[in-house]
Every structure is written in C-alpha cells, then in structure tokens.
C-alpha cells in the first residue's frame, strides 16, 4: 500500500465504513438481531480533519523510517512509527484552516466581538486566556494567516497553539545586519532535546551550543 498522506486518508475513509472497523447490532423483543451500524460507530462524532492530519503525520513518520533505513536520511536512526500511549503521551490533535471561496476561514481569532477566543472547525468558539490583540491586528491587516491549530492537553489544561504565516517585520524594527568582524552581533537561538540550546547566525554558522546536564 502506498504511504503518502493522500493514500492513507483514502484507505482510512474506506476502512472506517467497512465491517472490519466494527459492527453494532440491535436485538428486538423477539430476539432477532440486525446490523444497525457498519464501521466505526463514533466516526461522525470526531471531526474528519483529525483523522486526516493523523494520516499525514503517519505518512511523514513512515517516510522518515524508510529513508533512515535505506541511508537517505542522515543523523540518528529513525524507528518505525509507534502508537501513542495514553499514559505516556499528552492527548493532542491538529486542525487545518480550510475555507472555500466566499466563506470565512475555519479558524478565527476574536470572532463575534469576543477578543479572547478562538473559533475551531467542528468545535466552535473556545475561550482562551491570553491576549490576542496583536494577532488580531495582523490578521485584520492581511499581514498574517493562520495555517493550522494544534489542541493539546497537559498540566490539567487544554492548550491551543496556532501556526501562523506572518509578514516580515518593518525594516526599522528588524535587527541590523551583522558585520562579519563583529563577534558580539545578533544570533538566532534554537532550543532542542539532544542539544539544549544552539546559537547560530543567519547563514547557519554555529556560534555556541549548550548540552543538557545528565
């Protein structure tokens, strides 16, 4: 079976309506059993994009495993994708910001006069804690676009993280160009796992790194 996200989505859509996904029977007063539902009985209660984004993530994991196994992928060896465990992983799902021509986007910030809210497809308007003023201004001015939203649960709370494609800052607010002879110029900071912090210049030259304590 092909491993692309598109193929996995089509395969799952066909499977979720088949008998292999399950069947629900009803029994009348005379003891006669009939099939009431074929497939996943709860599939209509979960937004379709949740399944689709999971299939896309699986396709990416399979591609990384295949490339690592064949030697096309450098770095640490990537294992075969594993199912998440409820006791070890935080529940999360992702929603794309899809909308047709002439229709509002599926993911909206501060809709219906409620500044501290995010509207998600299939869920509706959700109240949020943080101030969304700066993001709302950029969205209203066309300087930003919400690509997708990731909803996760940890620390006893639900969190919404928005992936936003934004325009570059005004030249007056950007960092000045770093002189090659300036050892104390601006650097970008990337936080990771195997290496806690890496500081590098715009061309990717690594200036410093800090490894986590064992």
Foldseek 3Di string as FASTA:
>chain_A
DDLALVVQLVVVVVQQQAQVQHWDWDADPVGDIDTDGHGNPCPVLDDSVQVSVVSNVLSVLVVQQVCLVVVNDDDDHRDHDDDDDPVPDWDKTKFFQDDDPPGDTQWDACPPVRRQWIQHPSPGIDGHDDGCVVVNVCVVVVQKDFGMWMWTDDPNDIDIDTDMDGHDDDPVPDADDDDPVDPPGDWDWDADAQWGIWTHHPVRHTDDTHGDDD
